[in-house]
Amino acid sequence: MDHIKEKLRKRTRRHLRIRQKVVGTSERPRLSVCRTLKNIYCQIINDLDGRTLVAASTQSPDIRSLIPYGGNVKAAEIVGKKIAEEAKKKGITKVVFDKGGYKYHGRIKALARVHEKTI
């Protein structure tokens, strides 16, 4: 059990360290990613105004109808594409990627790459 707590503590420290450096503005908002075992959530945030501009997750009804399970790379790619399309509609072309203390690997990497290609 201590191993799990230590892992969470380290991820939280990494996330806070990243957040000190990464700030979303109106010209270049922050793309924040949160990952759970069964789902992936992301949102584009303007930190100066404290507003979420666009959000997408595997729990959204339109995405949920496309995938049977939200905790895999395919689901992350679909979420990345969806949030990029929504961002384009709002005129957002560049973002700062906030991986939330997670490794840039697997689902996080898939979401980022698809978002980058689509936007």
PDB file of N, CA and C in Angstrom:
ATOM      1  N   MET A   1       0.814  -1.196   0.000  1.00  0.00           N
ATOM      2  CA  MET A   1       0.000   0.000   0.000  1.00  0.00           C
ATOM      3  C   MET A   1       0.859   1.261   0.000  1.00  0.00           C
ATOM      4  N   ASP A   2       2.002   1.201   0.702  1.00  0.00           N
ATOM      5  CA  ASP A   2       2.878   2.363   0.731  1.00  0.00           C
ATOM      6  C   ASP A   2       3.431   2.669  -0.653  1.00  0.00           C
ATOM      7  N   HIS A   3       3.644   1.634  -1.454  1.00  0.00           N
ATOM      8  CA  HIS A   3       4.153   1.819  -2.811  1.00  0.00           C
ATOM      9  C   HIS A   3       3.162   2.638  -3.645  1.00  0.00           C
ATOM     10  N   ILE A   4       1.886   2.371  -3.503  1.00  0.00           N
ATOM     11  CA  ILE A   4       0.858   3.086  -4.256  1.00  0.00           C
ATOM     12  C   ILE A   4       0.794   4.540  -3.814  1.00  0.00           C
ATOM     13  N   LYS A   5       0.863   4.780  -2.512  1.00  0.00           N
ATOM     14  CA  LYS A   5       0.844   6.150  -1.999  1.00  0.00           C
ATOM     15  C   LYS A   5       2.066   6.927  -2.477  1.00  0.00           C
ATOM     16  N   GLU A   6       3.200   6.268  -2.490  1.00  0.00           N
ATOM     17  CA  GLU A   6       4.437   6.908  -2.937  1.00  0.00           C
ATOM     18  C   GLU A   6       4.359   7.269  -4.422  1.00  0.00           C
ATOM     19  N   LYS A   7       3.791   6.383  -5.208  1.00  0.00           N
ATOM     20  CA  LYS A   7       3.626   6.628  -6.639  1.00  0.00           C
ATOM     21  C   LYS A   7       2.723   7.843  -6.888  1.00  0.00           C
ATOM     22  N   LEU A   8       1.627   7.918  -6.154  1.00  0.00           N
ATOM     23  CA  LEU A   8       0.704   9.041  -6.271  1.00  0.00           C
ATOM     24  C   LEU A   8       1.366  10.336  -5.820  1.00  0.00           C
ATOM     25  N   ARG A   9       2.126  10.274  -4.735  1.00  0.00           N
ATOM     26  CA  ARG A   9       2.815  11.463  -4.230  1.00  0.00           C
ATOM     27  C   ARG A   9       3.818  11.989  -5.257  1.00  0.00           C
ATOM     28  N   LYS A  10       4.548  11.086  -5.886  1.00  0.00           N
ATOM     29  CA  LYS A  10       5.526  11.491  -6.899  1.00  0.00           C
ATOM     30  C   LYS A  10       4.842  12.112  -8.118  1.00  0.00           C
ATOM     31  N   ARG A  11       3.722  11.517  -8.550  1.00  0.00           N
ATOM     32  CA  ARG A  11       3.005  12.075  -9.690  1.00  0.00           C
ATOM     33  C   ARG A  11       2.472  13.463  -9.372  1.00  0.00           C
ATOM     34  N   THR A  12       1.967  13.641  -8.153  1.00  0.00           N
ATOM     35  CA  THR A  12       1.458  14.940  -7.727  1.00  0.00           C
ATOM     36  C   THR A  12       2.576  15.975  -7.708  1.00  0.00           C
ATOM     37  N   ARG A  13       3.741  15.595  -7.217  1.00  0.00           N
ATOM     38  CA  ARG A  13       4.885  16.517  -7.203  1.00  0.00           C
ATOM     39  C   ARG A  13       5.304  16.906  -8.616  1.00  0.00           C
ATOM     40  N   ARG A  14       5.333  15.929  -9.521  1.00  0.00           N
ATOM     41  CA  ARG A  14       5.677  16.227 -10.918  1.00  0.00           C
ATOM     42  C   ARG A  14       4.657  17.181 -11.519  1.00  0.00           C
ATOM     43  N   HIS A  15       3.381  16.922 -11.248  1.00  0.00           N
ATOM     44  CA  HIS A  15       2.316  17.764 -11.789  1.00  0.00           C
ATOM     45  C   HIS A  15       2.442  19.204 -11.275  1.00  0.00           C
ATOM     46  N   LEU A  16       2.676  19.375  -9.984  1.00  0.00           N
ATOM     47  CA  LEU A  16       2.809  20.720  -9.426  1.00  0.00           C
ATOM     48  C   LEU A  16       4.038  21.433  -9.982  1.00  0.00           C
ATOM     49  N   ARG A  17       5.111  20.699 -10.190  1.00  0.00           N
ATOM     50  CA  ARG A  17       6.330  21.290 -10.752  1.00  0.00           C
ATOM     51  C   ARG A  17       6.080  21.759 -12.195  1.00  0.00           C
ATOM     52  N   ILE A  18       5.347  20.962 -12.947  1.00  0.00           N
ATOM     53  CA  ILE A  18       5.011  21.337 -14.322  1.00  0.00           C
ATOM     54  C   ILE A  18       4.101  22.558 -14.327  1.00  0.00           C
ATOM     55  N   ARG A  19       3.129  22.580 -13.417  1.00  0.00           N
ATOM     56  CA  ARG A  19       2.157  23.683 -13.367  1.00  0.00           C
ATOM     57  C   ARG A  19       2.806  25.011 -13.011  1.00  0.00           C
ATOM     58  N   GLN A  20       3.937  24.994 -12.315  1.00  0.00           N
ATOM     59  CA  GLN A  20       4.643  26.240 -12.023  1.00  0.00           C
ATOM     60  C   GLN A  20       5.211  26.855 -13.297  1.00  0.00           C
ATOM     61  N   LYS A  21       5.518  26.028 -14.276  1.00  0.00           N
ATOM     62  CA  LYS A  21       6.148  26.493 -15.510  1.00  0.00           C
ATOM     63  C   LYS A  21       5.157  26.707 -16.649  1.00  0.00           C
ATOM     64  N   VAL A  22       4.098  25.916 -16.692  1.00  0.00           N
ATOM     65  CA  VAL A  22       3.161  25.935 -17.814  1.00  0.00           C
ATOM     66  C   VAL A  22       1.944  26.770 -17.447  1.00  0.00           C
ATOM     67  N   VAL A  23       1.719  27.846 -18.225  1.00  0.00           N
ATOM     68  CA  VAL A  23       0.563  28.710 -18.000  1.00  0.00           C
ATOM     69  C   VAL A  23      -0.152  28.891 -19.329  1.00  0.00           C
ATOM     70  N   GLY A  24      -1.451  28.701 -19.323  1.00  0.00           N
ATOM     71  CA  GLY A  24      -2.237  28.887 -20.535  1.00  0.00           C
ATOM     72  C   GLY A  24      -2.714  30.320 -20.649  1.00  0.00           C
ATOM     73  N   THR A  25      -2.543  30.914 -21.821  1.00  0.00           N
ATOM     74  CA  THR A  25      -2.999  32.276 -22.077  1.00  0.00           C
ATOM     75  C   THR A  25      -4.113  32.223 -23.115  1.00  0.00           C
ATOM     76  N   SER A  26      -4.656  33.388 -23.453  1.00  0.00           N
ATOM     77  CA  SER A  26      -5.715  33.402 -24.460  1.00  0.00           C
ATOM     78  C   SER A  26      -5.158  33.076 -25.844  1.00  0.00           C
ATOM     79  N   GLU A  27      -3.884  33.452 -26.114  1.00  0.00           N
ATOM     80  CA  GLU A  27      -3.272  33.136 -27.406  1.00  0.00           C
ATOM     81  C   GLU A  27      -2.853  31.671 -27.481  1.00  0.00           C
ATOM     82  N   ARG A  28      -2.380  31.140 -26.357  1.00  0.00           N
ATOM     83  CA  ARG A  28      -1.897  29.751 -26.322  1.00  0.00           C
ATOM     84  C   ARG A  28      -2.371  29.088 -25.029  1.00  0.00           C
ATOM     85  N   PRO A  29      -3.606  28.586 -25.015  1.00  0.00           N
ATOM     86  CA  PRO A  29      -4.144  27.969 -23.798  1.00  0.00           C
ATOM     87  C   PRO A  29      -3.485  26.625 -23.483  1.00  0.00           C
ATOM     88  N   ARG A  30      -3.751  26.126 -22.294  1.00  0.00           N
ATOM     89  CA  ARG A  30      -3.144  24.884 -21.801  1.00  0.00           C
ATOM     90  C   ARG A  30      -4.072  23.703 -22.073  1.00  0.00           C
ATOM     91  N   LEU A  31      -3.508  22.635 -22.646  1.00  0.00           N
ATOM     92  CA  LEU A  31      -4.238  21.380 -22.848  1.00  0.00           C
ATOM     93  C   LEU A  31      -3.889  20.464 -21.688  1.00  0.00           C
ATOM     94  N   SER A  32      -4.815  20.312 -20.758  1.00  0.00           N
ATOM     95  CA  SER A  32      -4.602  19.514 -19.556  1.00  0.00           C
ATOM     96  C   SER A  32      -5.202  18.125 -19.740  1.00  0.00           C
ATOM     97  N   VAL A  33      -4.451  17.100 -19.312  1.00  0.00           N
ATOM     98  CA  VAL A  33      -4.884  15.712 -19.471  1.00  0.00           C
ATOM     99  C   VAL A  33      -4.973  15.040 -18.110  1.00  0.00           C
ATOM    100  N   CYS A  34      -6.058  14.313 -17.885  1.00  0.00           N
ATOM    101  CA  CYS A  34      -6.218  13.507 -16.680  1.00  0.00           C
ATOM    102  C   CYS A  34      -6.539  12.086 -17.123  1.00  0.00           C
ATOM    103  N   ARG A  35      -5.845  11.131 -16.536  1.00  0.00           N
ATOM    104  CA  ARG A  35      -5.971   9.740 -16.952  1.00  0.00           C
ATOM    105  C   ARG A  35      -6.403   8.886 -15.759  1.00  0.00           C
ATOM    106  N   THR A  36      -7.386   8.029 -15.980  1.00  0.00           N
ATOM    107  CA  THR A  36      -7.748   7.024 -14.987  1.00  0.00           C
ATOM    108  C   THR A  36      -7.613   5.661 -15.658  1.00  0.00           C
ATOM    109  N   LEU A  37      -7.876   4.606 -14.918  1.00  0.00           N
ATOM    110  CA  LEU A  37      -7.754   3.280 -15.513  1.00  0.00           C
ATOM    111  C   LEU A  37      -8.794   3.035 -16.608  1.00  0.00           C
ATOM    112  N   LYS A  38      -9.983   3.607 -16.451  1.00  0.00           N
ATOM    113  CA  LYS A  38     -11.064   3.324 -17.390  1.00  0.00           C
ATOM    114  C   LYS A  38     -11.379   4.462 -18.352  1.00  0.00           C
ATOM    115  N   ASN A  39     -10.882   5.667 -18.099  1.00  0.00           N
ATOM    116  CA  ASN A  39     -11.234   6.818 -18.929  1.00  0.00           C
ATOM    117  C   ASN A  39     -10.047   7.759 -19.085  1.00  0.00           C
ATOM    118  N   ILE A  40     -10.195   8.708 -20.008  1.00  0.00           N
ATOM    119  CA  ILE A  40      -9.225   9.782 -20.170  1.00  0.00           C
ATOM    120  C   ILE A  40     -10.008  11.072 -20.399  1.00  0.00           C
ATOM    121  N   TYR A  41      -9.587  12.130 -19.743  1.00  0.00           N
ATOM    122  CA  TYR A  41     -10.263  13.415 -19.804  1.00  0.00           C
ATOM    123  C   TYR A  41      -9.245  14.464 -20.232  1.00  0.00           C
ATOM    124  N   CYS A  42      -9.658  15.430 -21.038  1.00  0.00           N
ATOM    125  CA  CYS A  42      -8.765  16.532 -21.360  1.00  0.00           C
ATOM    126  C   CYS A  42      -9.596  17.792 -21.552  1.00  0.00           C
ATOM    127  N   GLN A  43      -8.954  18.911 -21.278  1.00  0.00           N
ATOM    128  CA  GLN A  43      -9.611  20.193 -21.446  1.00  0.00           C
ATOM    129  C   GLN A  43      -8.590  21.248 -21.830  1.00  0.00           C
ATOM    130  N   ILE A  44      -9.050  22.243 -22.563  1.00  0.00           N
ATOM    131  CA  ILE A  44      -8.206  23.367 -22.953  1.00  0.00           C
ATOM    132  C   ILE A  44      -8.613  24.536 -22.074  1.00  0.00           C
ATOM    133  N   ILE A  45      -7.620  25.086 -21.351  1.00  0.00           N
ATOM    134  CA  ILE A  45      -7.887  26.052 -20.292  1.00  0.00           C
ATOM    135  C   ILE A  45      -7.120  27.345 -20.535  1.00  0.00           C
ATOM    136  N   ASN A  46      -7.795  28.472 -20.338  1.00  0.00           N
ATOM    137  CA  ASN A  46      -7.140  29.774 -20.294  1.00  0.00           C
ATOM    138  C   ASN A  46      -6.924  30.085 -18.817  1.00  0.00           C
ATOM    139  N   ASP A  47      -5.689  29.950 -18.337  1.00  0.00           N
ATOM    140  CA  ASP A  47      -5.402  30.120 -16.913  1.00  0.00           C
ATOM    141  C   ASP A  47      -5.518  31.568 -16.451  1.00  0.00           C
ATOM    142  N   LEU A  48      -5.302  32.521 -17.340  1.00  0.00           N
ATOM    143  CA  LEU A  48      -5.381  33.925 -16.944  1.00  0.00           C
ATOM    144  C   LEU A  48      -6.806  34.316 -16.570  1.00  0.00           C
ATOM    145  N   ASP A  49      -7.786  33.784 -17.304  1.00  0.00           N
ATOM    146  CA  ASP A  49      -9.197  34.047 -16.996  1.00  0.00           C
ATOM    147  C   ASP A  49      -9.794  32.986 -16.085  1.00  0.00           C
ATOM    148  N   GLY A  50      -9.106  31.849 -15.953  1.00  0.00           N
ATOM    149  CA  GLY A  50      -9.632  30.753 -15.144  1.00  0.00           C
ATOM    150  C   GLY A  50     -10.833  30.088 -15.790  1.00  0.00           C
ATOM    151  N   ARG A  51     -10.814  29.979 -17.128  1.00  0.00           N
ATOM    152  CA  ARG A  51     -11.953  29.418 -17.851  1.00  0.00           C
ATOM    153  C   ARG A  51     -11.547  28.213 -18.685  1.00  0.00           C
ATOM    154  N   THR A  52     -12.421  27.228 -18.711  1.00  0.00           N
ATOM    155  CA  THR A  52     -12.246  26.084 -19.597  1.00  0.00           C
ATOM    156  C   THR A  52     -12.887  26.438 -20.932  1.00  0.00           C
ATOM    157  N   LEU A  53     -12.100  26.370 -22.001  1.00  0.00           N
ATOM    158  CA  LEU A  53     -12.587  26.750 -23.320  1.00  0.00           C
ATOM    159  C   LEU A  53     -13.221  25.569 -24.053  1.00  0.00           C
ATOM    160  N   VAL A  54     -12.578  24.402 -23.972  1.00  0.00           N
ATOM    161  CA  VAL A  54     -13.055  23.196 -24.650  1.00  0.00           C
ATOM    162  C   VAL A  54     -12.754  22.005 -23.751  1.00  0.00           C
ATOM    163  N   ALA A  55     -13.642  21.023 -23.737  1.00  0.00           N
ATOM    164  CA  ALA A  55     -13.405  19.805 -22.957  1.00  0.00           C
ATOM    165  C   ALA A  55     -13.890  18.588 -23.738  1.00  0.00           C
ATOM    166  N   ALA A  56     -13.217  17.465 -23.503  1.00  0.00           N
ATOM    167  CA  ALA A  56     -13.621  16.195 -24.118  1.00  0.00           C
ATOM    168  C   ALA A  56     -13.168  15.059 -23.218  1.00  0.00           C
ATOM    169  N   SER A  57     -13.914  13.984 -23.236  1.00  0.00           N
ATOM    170  CA  SER A  57     -13.528  12.812 -22.451  1.00  0.00           C
ATOM    171  C   SER A  57     -14.177  11.570 -23.044  1.00  0.00           C
ATOM    172  N   THR A  58     -13.724  10.430 -22.567  1.00  0.00           N
ATOM    173  CA  THR A  58     -14.313   9.177 -23.029  1.00  0.00           C
ATOM    174  C   THR A  58     -15.702   8.964 -22.441  1.00  0.00           C
ATOM    175  N   GLN A  59     -16.110   9.813 -21.523  1.00  0.00           N
ATOM    176  CA  GLN A  59     -17.450   9.698 -20.953  1.00  0.00           C
ATOM    177  C   GLN A  59     -18.478  10.552 -21.689  1.00  0.00           C
ATOM    178  N   SER A  60     -18.028  11.353 -22.654  1.00  0.00           N
ATOM    179  CA  SER A  60     -18.956  12.133 -23.467  1.00  0.00           C
ATOM    180  C   SER A  60     -19.832  11.182 -24.277  1.00  0.00           C
ATOM    181  N   PRO A  61     -21.124  11.467 -24.390  1.00  0.00           N
ATOM    182  CA  PRO A  61     -22.019  10.546 -25.103  1.00  0.00           C
ATOM    183  C   PRO A  61     -21.614  10.289 -26.558  1.00  0.00           C
ATOM    184  N   ASP A  62     -21.126  11.329 -27.261  1.00  0.00           N
ATOM    185  CA  ASP A  62     -20.748  11.140 -28.666  1.00  0.00           C
ATOM    186  C   ASP A  62     -19.506  10.263 -28.814  1.00  0.00           C
ATOM    187  N   ILE A  63     -18.582  10.338 -27.875  1.00  0.00           N
ATOM    188  CA  ILE A  63     -17.384   9.492 -27.917  1.00  0.00           C
ATOM    189  C   ILE A  63     -17.702   8.100 -27.380  1.00  0.00           C
ATOM    190  N   ARG A  64     -18.520   8.030 -26.343  1.00  0.00           N
ATOM    191  CA  ARG A  64     -18.878   6.749 -25.731  1.00  0.00           C
ATOM    192  C   ARG A  64     -19.552   5.826 -26.749  1.00  0.00           C
ATOM    193  N   SER A  65     -20.305   6.413 -27.689  1.00  0.00           N
ATOM    194  CA  SER A  65     -20.970   5.585 -28.699  1.00  0.00           C
ATOM    195  C   SER A  65     -19.986   4.983 -29.706  1.00  0.00           C
ATOM    196  N   LEU A  66     -18.793   5.578 -29.831  1.00  0.00           N
ATOM    197  CA  LEU A  66     -17.794   5.095 -30.791  1.00  0.00           C
ATOM    198  C   LEU A  66     -16.896   3.999 -30.239  1.00  0.00           C
ATOM    199  N   ILE A  67     -16.739   3.948 -28.917  1.00  0.00           N
ATOM    200  CA  ILE A  67     -15.776   3.019 -28.320  1.00  0.00           C
ATOM    201  C   ILE A  67     -16.437   2.154 -27.252  1.00  0.00           C
ATOM    202  N   PRO A  68     -16.050   0.900 -27.162  1.00  0.00           N
ATOM    203  CA  PRO A  68     -16.608   0.044 -26.113  1.00  0.00           C
ATOM    204  C   PRO A  68     -15.933   0.263 -24.759  1.00  0.00           C
ATOM    205  N   TYR A  69     -14.650   0.692 -24.772  1.00  0.00           N
ATOM    206  CA  TYR A  69     -13.880   0.830 -23.536  1.00  0.00           C
ATOM    207  C   TYR A  69     -13.030   2.088 -23.635  1.00  0.00           C
ATOM    208  N   GLY A  70     -13.017   2.894 -22.593  1.00  0.00           N
ATOM    209  CA  GLY A  70     -12.333   4.182 -22.635  1.00  0.00           C
ATOM    210  C   GLY A  70     -10.930   4.207 -22.098  1.00  0.00           C
ATOM    211  N   GLY A  71     -10.368   3.077 -21.714  1.00  0.00           N
ATOM    212  CA  GLY A  71      -9.055   3.081 -21.088  1.00  0.00           C
ATOM    213  C   GLY A  71      -7.940   2.556 -21.961  1.00  0.00           C
ATOM    214  N   ASN A  72      -8.045   2.746 -23.284  1.00  0.00           N
ATOM    215  CA  ASN A  72      -6.981   2.249 -24.155  1.00  0.00           C
ATOM    216  C   ASN A  72      -6.491   3.351 -25.098  1.00  0.00           C
ATOM    217  N   VAL A  73      -5.472   3.044 -25.886  1.00  0.00           N
ATOM    218  CA  VAL A  73      -4.848   4.028 -26.772  1.00  0.00           C
ATOM    219  C   VAL A  73      -5.830   4.498 -27.842  1.00  0.00           C
ATOM    220  N   LYS A  74      -6.633   3.608 -28.370  1.00  0.00           N
ATOM    221  CA  LYS A  74      -7.613   3.975 -29.403  1.00  0.00           C
ATOM    222  C   LYS A  74      -8.587   5.025 -28.880  1.00  0.00           C
ATOM    223  N   ALA A  75      -9.042   4.862 -27.659  1.00  0.00           N
ATOM    224  CA  ALA A  75      -9.950   5.836 -27.050  1.00  0.00           C
ATOM    225  C   ALA A  75      -9.255   7.182 -26.877  1.00  0.00           C
ATOM    226  N   ALA A  76      -7.991   7.173 -26.478  1.00  0.00           N
ATOM    227  CA  ALA A  76      -7.231   8.415 -26.302  1.00  0.00           C
ATOM    228  C   ALA A  76      -7.073   9.139 -27.633  1.00  0.00           C
ATOM    229  N   GLU A  77      -6.857   8.390 -28.710  1.00  0.00           N
ATOM    230  CA  GLU A  77      -6.740   9.000 -30.034  1.00  0.00           C
ATOM    231  C   GLU A  77      -8.045   9.671 -30.448  1.00  0.00           C
ATOM    232  N   ILE A  78      -9.158   9.030 -30.162  1.00  0.00           N
ATOM    233  CA  ILE A  78     -10.464   9.599 -30.506  1.00  0.00           C
ATOM    234  C   ILE A  78     -10.715  10.871 -29.705  1.00  0.00           C
ATOM    235  N   VAL A  79     -10.369  10.865 -28.425  1.00  0.00           N
ATOM    236  CA  VAL A  79     -10.543  12.056 -27.583  1.00  0.00           C
ATOM    237  C   VAL A  79      -9.640  13.183 -28.082  1.00  0.00           C
ATOM    238  N   GLY A  80      -8.401  12.861 -28.450  1.00  0.00           N
ATOM    239  CA  GLY A  80      -7.478  13.867 -28.977  1.00  0.00           C
ATOM    240  C   GLY A  80      -7.994  14.507 -30.255  1.00  0.00           C
ATOM    241  N   LYS A  81      -8.557  13.689 -31.131  1.00  0.00           N
ATOM    242  CA  LYS A  81      -9.115  14.210 -32.378  1.00  0.00           C
ATOM    243  C   LYS A  81     -10.331  15.086 -32.108  1.00  0.00           C
ATOM    244  N   LYS A  82     -11.186  14.651 -31.195  1.00  0.00           N
ATOM    245  CA  LYS A  82     -12.406  15.397 -30.865  1.00  0.00           C
ATOM    246  C   LYS A  82     -12.082  16.766 -30.273  1.00  0.00           C
ATOM    247  N   ILE A  83     -11.128  16.809 -29.335  1.00  0.00           N
ATOM    248  CA  ILE A  83     -10.807  18.095 -28.714  1.00  0.00           C
ATOM    249  C   ILE A  83     -10.111  19.027 -29.706  1.00  0.00           C
ATOM    250  N   ALA A  84      -9.343  18.475 -30.640  1.00  0.00           N
ATOM    251  CA  ALA A  84      -8.703  19.297 -31.668  1.00  0.00           C
ATOM    252  C   ALA A  84      -9.750  19.909 -32.604  1.00  0.00           C
ATOM    253  N   GLU A  85     -10.754  19.124 -32.970  1.00  0.00           N
ATOM    254  CA  GLU A  85     -11.823  19.635 -33.830  1.00  0.00           C
ATOM    255  C   GLU A  85     -12.612  20.739 -33.132  1.00  0.00           C
ATOM    256  N   GLU A  86     -12.916  20.539 -31.855  1.00  0.00           N
ATOM    257  CA  GLU A  86     -13.638  21.561 -31.089  1.00  0.00           C
ATOM    258  C   GLU A  86     -12.792  22.826 -30.939  1.00  0.00           C
ATOM    259  N   ALA A  87     -11.483  22.659 -30.755  1.00  0.00           N
ATOM    260  CA  ALA A  87     -10.581  23.808 -30.623  1.00  0.00           C
ATOM    261  C   ALA A  87     -10.521  24.596 -31.929  1.00  0.00           C
ATOM    262  N   LYS A  88     -10.489  23.897 -33.049  1.00  0.00           N
ATOM    263  CA  LYS A  88     -10.481  24.570 -34.355  1.00  0.00           C
ATOM    264  C   LYS A  88     -11.720  25.433 -34.534  1.00  0.00           C
ATOM    265  N   LYS A  89     -12.873  24.901 -34.105  1.00  0.00           N
ATOM    266  CA  LYS A  89     -14.125  25.653 -34.218  1.00  0.00           C
ATOM    267  C   LYS A  89     -14.060  26.956 -33.429  1.00  0.00           C
ATOM    268  N   LYS A  90     -13.337  26.942 -32.304  1.00  0.00           N
ATOM    269  CA  LYS A  90     -13.222  28.137 -31.462  1.00  0.00           C
ATOM    270  C   LYS A  90     -12.027  29.004 -31.844  1.00  0.00           C
ATOM    271  N   GLY A  91     -11.287  28.600 -32.883  1.00  0.00           N
ATOM    272  CA  GLY A  91     -10.166  29.403 -33.356  1.00  0.00           C
ATOM    273  C   GLY A  91      -8.870  29.199 -32.590  1.00  0.00           C
ATOM    274  N   ILE A  92      -8.748  28.101 -31.881  1.00  0.00           N
ATOM    275  CA  ILE A  92      -7.528  27.799 -31.126  1.00  0.00           C
ATOM    276  C   ILE A  92      -6.629  26.946 -32.016  1.00  0.00           C
ATOM    277  N   THR A  93      -5.423  27.459 -32.311  1.00  0.00           N
ATOM    278  CA  THR A  93      -4.511  26.735 -33.202  1.00  0.00           C
ATOM    279  C   THR A  93      -3.267  26.232 -32.494  1.00  0.00           C
ATOM    280  N   LYS A  94      -2.907  26.835 -31.362  1.00  0.00           N
ATOM    281  CA  LYS A  94      -1.723  26.401 -30.613  1.00  0.00           C
ATOM    282  C   LYS A  94      -2.091  26.222 -29.150  1.00  0.00           C
ATOM    283  N   VAL A  95      -1.525  25.199 -28.530  1.00  0.00           N
ATOM    284  CA  VAL A  95      -1.749  24.956 -27.107  1.00  0.00           C
ATOM    285  C   VAL A  95      -0.431  24.600 -26.432  1.00  0.00           C
ATOM    286  N   VAL A  96      -0.412  24.736 -25.115  1.00  0.00           N
ATOM    287  CA  VAL A  96       0.694  24.263 -24.289  1.00  0.00           C
ATOM    288  C   VAL A  96       0.224  22.944 -23.692  1.00  0.00           C
ATOM    289  N   PHE A  97       0.995  21.881 -23.867  1.00  0.00           N
ATOM    290  CA  PHE A  97       0.568  20.561 -23.415  1.00  0.00           C
ATOM    291  C   PHE A  97       0.981  20.333 -21.968  1.00  0.00           C
ATOM    292  N   ASP A  98       0.004  20.038 -21.116  1.00  0.00           N
ATOM    293  CA  ASP A  98       0.225  19.724 -19.702  1.00  0.00           C
ATOM    294  C   ASP A  98      -0.131  18.254 -19.500  1.00  0.00           C
ATOM    295  N   LYS A  99       0.884  17.410 -19.363  1.00  0.00           N
ATOM    296  CA  LYS A  99       0.653  15.971 -19.264  1.00  0.00           C
ATOM    297  C   LYS A  99       0.224  15.533 -17.871  1.00  0.00           C
ATOM    298  N   GLY A 100       0.117  16.457 -16.945  1.00  0.00           N
ATOM    299  CA  GLY A 100      -0.440  16.162 -15.630  1.00  0.00           C
ATOM    300  C   GLY A 100       0.408  15.265 -14.753  1.00  0.00           C
ATOM    301  N   GLY A 101       1.713  15.255 -14.957  1.00  0.00           N
ATOM    302  CA  GLY A 101       2.585  14.430 -14.135  1.00  0.00           C
ATOM    303  C   GLY A 101       2.716  13.002 -14.620  1.00  0.00           C
ATOM    304  N   TYR A 102       1.999  12.658 -15.698  1.00  0.00           N
ATOM    305  CA  TYR A 102       2.087  11.312 -16.256  1.00  0.00           C
ATOM    306  C   TYR A 102       3.269  11.234 -17.218  1.00  0.00           C
ATOM    307  N   LYS A 103       3.752  10.020 -17.483  1.00  0.00           N
ATOM    308  CA  LYS A 103       4.802   9.826 -18.476  1.00  0.00           C
ATOM    309  C   LYS A 103       4.242  10.111 -19.866  1.00  0.00           C
ATOM    310  N   TYR A 104       5.089  10.655 -20.731  1.00  0.00           N
ATOM    311  CA  TYR A 104       4.694  10.888 -22.120  1.00  0.00           C
ATOM    312  C   TYR A 104       4.820   9.560 -22.853  1.00  0.00           C
ATOM    313  N   HIS A 105       3.845   8.701 -22.656  1.00  0.00           N
ATOM    314  CA  HIS A 105       3.893   7.340 -23.166  1.00  0.00           C
ATOM    315  C   HIS A 105       2.466   6.809 -23.248  1.00  0.00           C
ATOM    316  N   GLY A 106       2.224   5.899 -24.159  1.00  0.00           N
ATOM    317  CA  GLY A 106       0.924   5.233 -24.225  1.00  0.00           C
ATOM    318  C   GLY A 106      -0.216   6.157 -24.578  1.00  0.00           C
ATOM    319  N   ARG A 107      -1.222   6.210 -23.709  1.00  0.00           N
ATOM    320  CA  ARG A 107      -2.431   6.991 -23.976  1.00  0.00           C
ATOM    321  C   ARG A 107      -2.155   8.484 -24.039  1.00  0.00           C
ATOM    322  N   ILE A 108      -1.264   8.982 -23.166  1.00  0.00           N
ATOM    323  CA  ILE A 108      -0.938  10.408 -23.153  1.00  0.00           C
ATOM    324  C   ILE A 108      -0.267  10.791 -24.471  1.00  0.00           C
ATOM    325  N   LYS A 109       0.676   9.989 -24.906  1.00  0.00           N
ATOM    326  CA  LYS A 109       1.396  10.230 -26.157  1.00  0.00           C
ATOM    327  C   LYS A 109       0.444  10.160 -27.354  1.00  0.00           C
ATOM    328  N   ALA A 110      -0.450   9.186 -27.367  1.00  0.00           N
ATOM    329  CA  ALA A 110      -1.406   9.032 -28.467  1.00  0.00           C
ATOM    330  C   ALA A 110      -2.320  10.245 -28.563  1.00  0.00           C
ATOM    331  N   LEU A 111      -2.836  10.703 -27.433  1.00  0.00           N
ATOM    332  CA  LEU A 111      -3.715  11.868 -27.417  1.00  0.00           C
ATOM    333  C   LEU A 111      -2.974  13.093 -27.940  1.00  0.00           C
ATOM    334  N   ALA A 112      -1.749  13.314 -27.473  1.00  0.00           N
ATOM    335  CA  ALA A 112      -0.970  14.486 -27.879  1.00  0.00           C
ATOM    336  C   ALA A 112      -0.646  14.452 -29.371  1.00  0.00           C
ATOM    337  N   ARG A 113      -0.232  13.302 -29.869  1.00  0.00           N
ATOM    338  CA  ARG A 113       0.151  13.194 -31.285  1.00  0.00           C
ATOM    339  C   ARG A 113      -1.045  13.429 -32.209  1.00  0.00           C
ATOM    340  N   VAL A 114      -2.178  12.828 -31.897  1.00  0.00           N
ATOM    341  CA  VAL A 114      -3.369  13.005 -32.738  1.00  0.00           C
ATOM    342  C   VAL A 114      -3.846  14.448 -32.674  1.00  0.00           C
ATOM    343  N   HIS A 115      -3.809  15.041 -31.500  1.00  0.00           N
ATOM    344  CA  HIS A 115      -4.213  16.443 -31.358  1.00  0.00           C
ATOM    345  C   HIS A 115      -3.308  17.339 -32.197  1.00  0.00           C
ATOM    346  N   GLU A 116      -2.009  17.081 -32.140  1.00  0.00           N
ATOM    347  CA  GLU A 116      -1.034  17.883 -32.886  1.00  0.00           C
ATOM    348  C   GLU A 116      -1.252  17.764 -34.397  1.00  0.00           C
ATOM    349  N   LYS A 117      -1.548  16.559 -34.877  1.00  0.00           N
ATOM    350  CA  LYS A 117      -1.778  16.352 -36.311  1.00  0.00           C
ATOM    351  C   LYS A 117      -3.079  17.001 -36.773  1.00  0.00           C
ATOM    352  N   THR A 118      -4.104  16.934 -35.941  1.00  0.00           N
ATOM    353  CA  THR A 118      -5.431  17.407 -36.329  1.00  0.00           C
ATOM    354  C   THR A 118      -5.535  18.921 -36.300  1.00  0.00           C
ATOM    355  N   ILE A 119      -4.865  19.552 -35.350  1.00  0.00           N
ATOM    356  CA  ILE A 119      -5.016  21.003 -35.185  1.00  0.00           C
ATOM    357  C   ILE A 119      -4.218  21.814 -36.147  1.00  0.00           C
TER     358      ILE A 119
END
